[in-house]
Amino acid sequence: MPGKGIATFATPQGDQEMEYDFINVIPPMRAPDVIRNSPLPWADKWTDQGWVEADKHSLRHPRYPDVFSVGDIAGVPKGKTAASVKWQVPVAMAHLIADIEGKQSNESYNGYTSCPLITRVGRAMLVEFDYKNNLTPSFPGVIAPLEELWISWLMKEVALKATYNAMLRGKA
């Protein structure tokens, strides 16, 4: 009930209401049925989400070595963002090309992901990190990852939207 500041959650003990001042609810995330109902998902973890089993550095499936996963279906600890995909695709491609050429690739995905957090109109934080939760800023000295900045907001609202749309069209 938004007007009353009360959220209702389904729990094993039944529906439970909680008061809130601010709420950010993320729906359950899972792979599409075509992946979840295939032999590709993890058998021992993330079983309810159905992510493709993958080596977190090469993005290669351990049982189906010709299969790589990136983005929303990749069964890696981090990396369900467009920024992650931008770094995952070259790694997967390097391994595929090396396979075709009968070689091996040393390319490795470090878990890079980016979370542009809008904190208010005209201000945002651009938090970028890797598998070890190390901050990995793309613009050191320009964008401080833990500060609310106008430039971070502008990047999220202008530059990143165009980049995301270009990626969806296969142009980035």
C-alpha atoms as a PDB file:
ATOM      1  CA  MET A   1       0.000   0.000   0.000  1.00  0.00           C
ATOM      2  CA  PRO A   2       2.164   2.863  -1.273  1.00  0.00           C
ATOM      3  CA  GLY A   3       0.056   5.615   0.309  1.00  0.00           C
ATOM      4  CA  LYS A   4       0.438   4.024   3.751  1.00  0.00           C
ATOM      5  CA  GLY A   5       4.114   3.042   3.436  1.00  0.00           C
ATOM      6  CA  ILE A   6       3.399  -0.648   4.005  1.00  0.00           C
ATOM      7  CA  ALA A   7       4.794  -3.513   1.923  1.00  0.00           C
ATOM      8  CA  THR A   8       3.389  -7.039   2.016  1.00  0.00           C
ATOM      9  CA  PHE A   9       5.796  -9.930   1.470  1.00  0.00           C
ATOM     10  CA  ALA A  10       4.930 -13.595   0.951  1.00  0.00           C
ATOM     11  CA  THR A  11       7.020 -15.671   3.371  1.00  0.00           C
ATOM     12  CA  PRO A  12       7.011 -19.353   4.364  1.00  0.00           C
ATOM     13  CA  GLN A  13       5.107 -18.253   7.489  1.00  0.00           C
ATOM     14  CA  GLY A  14       2.461 -16.436   5.419  1.00  0.00           C
ATOM     15  CA  ASP A  15       2.068 -12.843   4.274  1.00  0.00           C
ATOM     16  CA  GLN A  16       3.958 -10.334   6.398  1.00  0.00           C
ATOM     17  CA  GLU A  17       3.567  -6.572   6.338  1.00  0.00           C
ATOM     18  CA  MET A  18       6.471  -4.199   6.854  1.00  0.00           C
ATOM     19  CA  GLU A  19       6.472  -0.414   7.144  1.00  0.00           C
ATOM     20  CA  TYR A  20       8.840   1.574   4.964  1.00  0.00           C
ATOM     21  CA  ASP A  21       9.928   5.137   4.241  1.00  0.00           C
ATOM     22  CA  PHE A  22      11.730   4.159   1.023  1.00  0.00           C
ATOM     23  CA  ILE A  23      11.525   0.835  -0.776  1.00  0.00           C
ATOM     24  CA  ASN A  24      13.351  -0.643  -3.738  1.00  0.00           C
ATOM     25  CA  VAL A  25      11.961  -4.071  -4.576  1.00  0.00           C
ATOM     26  CA  ILE A  26      13.715  -6.216  -7.159  1.00  0.00           C
ATOM     27  CA  PRO A  27      11.682  -9.034  -8.679  1.00  0.00           C
ATOM     28  CA  PRO A  28      13.122 -12.546  -8.669  1.00  0.00           C
ATOM     29  CA  MET A  29      15.676 -12.904 -11.438  1.00  0.00           C
ATOM     30  CA  ARG A  30      16.122 -16.093 -13.406  1.00  0.00           C
ATOM     31  CA  ALA A  31      17.202 -17.351 -16.784  1.00  0.00           C
ATOM     32  CA  PRO A  32      14.564 -17.761 -19.499  1.00  0.00           C
ATOM     33  CA  ASP A  33      12.746 -21.098 -19.636  1.00  0.00           C
ATOM     34  CA  VAL A  34      14.643 -22.172 -22.768  1.00  0.00           C
ATOM     35  CA  ILE A  35      17.861 -22.100 -20.684  1.00  0.00           C
ATOM     36  CA  ARG A  36      16.365 -23.241 -17.362  1.00  0.00           C
ATOM     37  CA  ASN A  37      14.828 -26.308 -19.028  1.00  0.00           C
ATOM     38  CA  SER A  38      17.992 -27.312 -20.880  1.00  0.00           C
ATOM     39  CA  PRO A  39      21.077 -29.268 -19.721  1.00  0.00           C
ATOM     40  CA  LEU A  40      23.079 -26.010 -19.448  1.00  0.00           C
ATOM     41  CA  PRO A  41      22.249 -24.680 -15.933  1.00  0.00           C
ATOM     42  CA  TRP A  42      24.231 -25.315 -12.787  1.00  0.00           C
ATOM     43  CA  ALA A  43      23.158 -28.534 -11.043  1.00  0.00           C
ATOM     44  CA  ASP A  44      24.515 -27.646  -7.607  1.00  0.00           C
ATOM     45  CA  LYS A  45      24.008 -23.888  -7.130  1.00  0.00           C
ATOM     46  CA  TRP A  46      21.639 -21.182  -8.332  1.00  0.00           C
ATOM     47  CA  THR A  47      19.308 -24.056  -9.235  1.00  0.00           C
ATOM     48  CA  ASP A  48      16.183 -21.939  -8.772  1.00  0.00           C
ATOM     49  CA  GLN A  49      17.532 -19.271 -11.164  1.00  0.00           C
ATOM     50  CA  GLY A  50      18.751 -21.599 -13.933  1.00  0.00           C
ATOM     51  CA  TRP A  51      21.902 -19.665 -14.868  1.00  0.00           C
ATOM     52  CA  VAL A  52      24.220 -21.335 -17.383  1.00  0.00           C
ATOM     53  CA  GLU A  53      27.065 -23.141 -15.626  1.00  0.00           C
ATOM     54  CA  ALA A  54      30.273 -21.300 -16.508  1.00  0.00           C
ATOM     55  CA  ASP A  55      33.854 -20.833 -15.447  1.00  0.00           C
ATOM     56  CA  LYS A  56      33.792 -17.352 -13.957  1.00  0.00           C
ATOM     57  CA  HIS A  57      36.963 -16.258 -15.773  1.00  0.00           C
ATOM     58  CA  SER A  58      36.664 -17.871 -19.231  1.00  0.00           C
ATOM     59  CA  LEU A  59      32.830 -17.910 -19.269  1.00  0.00           C
ATOM     60  CA  ARG A  60      33.106 -21.410 -20.811  1.00  0.00           C
ATOM     61  CA  HIS A  61      30.645 -24.147 -19.857  1.00  0.00           C
ATOM     62  CA  PRO A  62      32.591 -26.993 -18.135  1.00  0.00           C
ATOM     63  CA  ARG A  63      30.469 -29.820 -19.596  1.00  0.00           C
ATOM     64  CA  TYR A  64      29.851 -28.277 -23.023  1.00  0.00           C
ATOM     65  CA  PRO A  65      33.164 -26.618 -23.949  1.00  0.00           C
ATOM     66  CA  ASP A  66      31.724 -25.057 -27.113  1.00  0.00           C
ATOM     67  CA  VAL A  67      29.209 -23.079 -25.039  1.00  0.00           C
ATOM     68  CA  PHE A  68      29.988 -19.684 -23.499  1.00  0.00           C
ATOM     69  CA  SER A  69      27.615 -17.463 -21.583  1.00  0.00           C
ATOM     70  CA  VAL A  70      27.508 -13.722 -21.053  1.00  0.00           C
ATOM     71  CA  GLY A  71      25.118 -11.268 -19.492  1.00  0.00           C
ATOM     72  CA  ASP A  72      21.860 -12.221 -17.873  1.00  0.00           C
ATOM     73  CA  ILE A  73      22.215 -15.978 -18.396  1.00  0.00           C
ATOM     74  CA  ALA A  74      25.852 -16.306 -17.268  1.00  0.00           C
ATOM     75  CA  GLY A  75      26.161 -18.317 -14.081  1.00  0.00           C
ATOM     76  CA  VAL A  76      28.913 -16.177 -12.594  1.00  0.00           C
ATOM     77  CA  PRO A  77      28.925 -14.493  -9.173  1.00  0.00           C
ATOM     78  CA  LYS A  78      28.605 -11.001 -10.629  1.00  0.00           C
ATOM     79  CA  GLY A  79      28.008  -9.481 -14.001  1.00  0.00           C
ATOM     80  CA  LYS A  80      24.326  -9.108 -14.762  1.00  0.00           C
ATOM     81  CA  THR A  81      24.732  -5.589 -16.151  1.00  0.00           C
ATOM     82  CA  ALA A  82      25.255  -4.131 -19.606  1.00  0.00           C
ATOM     83  CA  ALA A  83      28.644  -2.878 -18.420  1.00  0.00           C
ATOM     84  CA  SER A  84      29.606  -6.449 -17.543  1.00  0.00           C
ATOM     85  CA  VAL A  85      28.552  -7.696 -20.961  1.00  0.00           C
ATOM     86  CA  LYS A  86      30.808  -5.115 -22.583  1.00  0.00           C
ATOM     87  CA  TRP A  87      33.772  -6.801 -20.808  1.00  0.00           C
ATOM     88  CA  GLN A  88      32.481 -10.392 -21.038  1.00  0.00           C
ATOM     89  CA  VAL A  89      31.936 -10.537 -24.797  1.00  0.00           C
ATOM     90  CA  PRO A  90      35.592  -9.916 -25.778  1.00  0.00           C
ATOM     91  CA  VAL A  91      36.697 -12.676 -23.385  1.00  0.00           C
ATOM     92  CA  ALA A  92      34.192 -15.192 -24.785  1.00  0.00           C
ATOM     93  CA  MET A  93      35.100 -14.162 -28.346  1.00  0.00           C
ATOM     94  CA  ALA A  94      38.831 -14.545 -27.690  1.00  0.00           C
ATOM     95  CA  HIS A  95      38.247 -18.093 -26.441  1.00  0.00           C
ATOM     96  CA  LEU A  96      35.975 -18.967 -29.390  1.00  0.00           C
ATOM     97  CA  ILE A  97      38.472 -17.641 -31.929  1.00  0.00           C
ATOM     98  CA  ALA A  98      41.331 -19.443 -30.206  1.00  0.00           C
ATOM     99  CA  ASP A  99      39.302 -22.686 -30.278  1.00  0.00           C
ATOM    100  CA  ILE A 100      38.630 -22.295 -33.999  1.00  0.00           C
ATOM    101  CA  GLU A 101      42.346 -21.700 -34.623  1.00  0.00           C
ATOM    102  CA  GLY A 102      43.314 -24.688 -32.462  1.00  0.00           C
ATOM    103  CA  LYS A 103      44.952 -22.433 -29.878  1.00  0.00           C
ATOM    104  CA  GLN A 104      44.266 -21.402 -26.296  1.00  0.00           C
ATOM    105  CA  SER A 105      43.342 -17.979 -25.031  1.00  0.00           C
ATOM    106  CA  ASN A 106      44.534 -16.438 -21.785  1.00  0.00           C
ATOM    107  CA  GLU A 107      41.763 -13.831 -21.786  1.00  0.00           C
ATOM    108  CA  SER A 108      40.034 -13.660 -18.417  1.00  0.00           C
ATOM    109  CA  TYR A 109      36.954 -11.882 -17.112  1.00  0.00           C
ATOM    110  CA  ASN A 110      37.640 -10.353 -13.686  1.00  0.00           C
ATOM    111  CA  GLY A 111      34.002  -9.900 -12.690  1.00  0.00           C
ATOM    112  CA  TYR A 112      33.812  -6.227 -13.645  1.00  0.00           C
ATOM    113  CA  THR A 113      30.395  -4.756 -13.116  1.00  0.00           C
ATOM    114  CA  SER A 114      29.049  -1.264 -12.785  1.00  0.00           C
ATOM    115  CA  CYS A 115      26.172   0.059 -10.762  1.00  0.00           C
ATOM    116  CA  PRO A 116      25.226   3.634 -11.570  1.00  0.00           C
ATOM    117  CA  LEU A 117      23.108   4.630  -8.594  1.00  0.00           C
ATOM    118  CA  ILE A 118      20.849   7.656  -9.020  1.00  0.00           C
ATOM    119  CA  THR A 119      20.694   9.290  -5.597  1.00  0.00           C
ATOM    120  CA  ARG A 120      18.534  12.252  -6.650  1.00  0.00           C
ATOM    121  CA  VAL A 121      17.797  14.257  -9.770  1.00  0.00           C
ATOM    122  CA  GLY A 122      21.111  15.580 -11.014  1.00  0.00           C
ATOM    123  CA  ARG A 123      23.277  13.375  -8.768  1.00  0.00           C
ATOM    124  CA  ALA A 124      24.492   9.789  -8.979  1.00  0.00           C
ATOM    125  CA  MET A 125      27.296   7.495  -7.912  1.00  0.00           C
ATOM    126  CA  LEU A 126      29.101   5.318 -10.458  1.00  0.00           C
ATOM    127  CA  VAL A 127      30.226   2.292  -8.458  1.00  0.00           C
ATOM    128  CA  GLU A 128      32.385  -0.169 -10.424  1.00  0.00           C
ATOM    129  CA  PHE A 129      33.902  -3.293  -8.896  1.00  0.00           C
ATOM    130  CA  ASP A 130      35.255  -6.779  -9.642  1.00  0.00           C
ATOM    131  CA  TYR A 131      34.803 -10.299  -8.236  1.00  0.00           C
ATOM    132  CA  LYS A 132      36.824  -9.378  -5.146  1.00  0.00           C
ATOM    133  CA  ASN A 133      34.734  -6.218  -4.597  1.00  0.00           C
ATOM    134  CA  ASN A 134      37.734  -4.049  -5.402  1.00  0.00           C
ATOM    135  CA  LEU A 135      36.688  -0.683  -6.746  1.00  0.00           C
ATOM    136  CA  THR A 136      37.686  -0.528 -10.422  1.00  0.00           C
ATOM    137  CA  PRO A 137      36.920   3.027 -11.554  1.00  0.00           C
ATOM    138  CA  SER A 138      36.970   3.606 -15.299  1.00  0.00           C
ATOM    139  CA  PHE A 139      37.653   7.316 -14.886  1.00  0.00           C
ATOM    140  CA  PRO A 140      40.032   7.700 -11.920  1.00  0.00           C
ATOM    141  CA  GLY A 141      40.598  11.322 -10.995  1.00  0.00           C
ATOM    142  CA  VAL A 142      37.440  12.334 -12.857  1.00  0.00           C
ATOM    143  CA  ILE A 143      34.645  10.280 -11.308  1.00  0.00           C
ATOM    144  CA  ALA A 144      35.022   9.316  -7.660  1.00  0.00           C
ATOM    145  CA  PRO A 145      33.078   6.071  -7.282  1.00  0.00           C
ATOM    146  CA  LEU A 146      31.695   6.743  -3.818  1.00  0.00           C
ATOM    147  CA  GLU A 147      30.688  10.387  -4.288  1.00  0.00           C
ATOM    148  CA  GLU A 148      27.377  11.761  -5.505  1.00  0.00           C
ATOM    149  CA  LEU A 149      28.339  13.684  -8.623  1.00  0.00           C
ATOM    150  CA  TRP A 150      26.584  15.547 -11.395  1.00  0.00           C
ATOM    151  CA  ILE A 151      28.920  13.983 -13.991  1.00  0.00           C
ATOM    152  CA  SER A 152      27.918  10.483 -12.855  1.00  0.00           C
ATOM    153  CA  TRP A 153      24.258  11.411 -13.241  1.00  0.00           C
ATOM    154  CA  LEU A 154      24.902  12.866 -16.705  1.00  0.00           C
ATOM    155  CA  MET A 155      26.789   9.717 -17.692  1.00  0.00           C
ATOM    156  CA  LYS A 156      23.917   7.472 -16.541  1.00  0.00           C
ATOM    157  CA  GLU A 157      21.145   9.579 -18.051  1.00  0.00           C
ATOM    158  CA  VAL A 158      22.821  10.486 -21.351  1.00  0.00           C
ATOM    159  CA  ALA A 159      25.876   8.413 -22.267  1.00  0.00           C
ATOM    160  CA  LEU A 160      24.941   5.027 -20.801  1.00  0.00           C
ATOM    161  CA  LYS A 161      21.407   5.017 -22.211  1.00  0.00           C
ATOM    162  CA  ALA A 162      22.825   5.522 -25.709  1.00  0.00           C
ATOM    163  CA  THR A 163      25.423   2.803 -25.100  1.00  0.00           C
ATOM    164  CA  TYR A 164      22.816   0.334 -23.806  1.00  0.00           C
ATOM    165  CA  ASN A 165      20.593   0.997 -26.817  1.00  0.00           C
ATOM    166  CA  ALA A 166      23.556   0.564 -29.197  1.00  0.00           C
ATOM    167  CA  MET A 167      24.424  -2.739 -27.508  1.00  0.00           C
ATOM    168  CA  LEU A 168      20.852  -3.966 -27.950  1.00  0.00           C
ATOM    169  CA  ARG A 169      21.166  -3.224 -31.670  1.00  0.00           C
ATOM    170  CA  GLY A 170      24.577  -4.973 -31.829  1.00  0.00           C
ATOM    171  CA  LYS A 171      26.443  -1.758 -32.515  1.00  0.00           C
ATOM    172  CA  ALA A 172      28.608  -1.457 -29.396  1.00  0.00           C
END
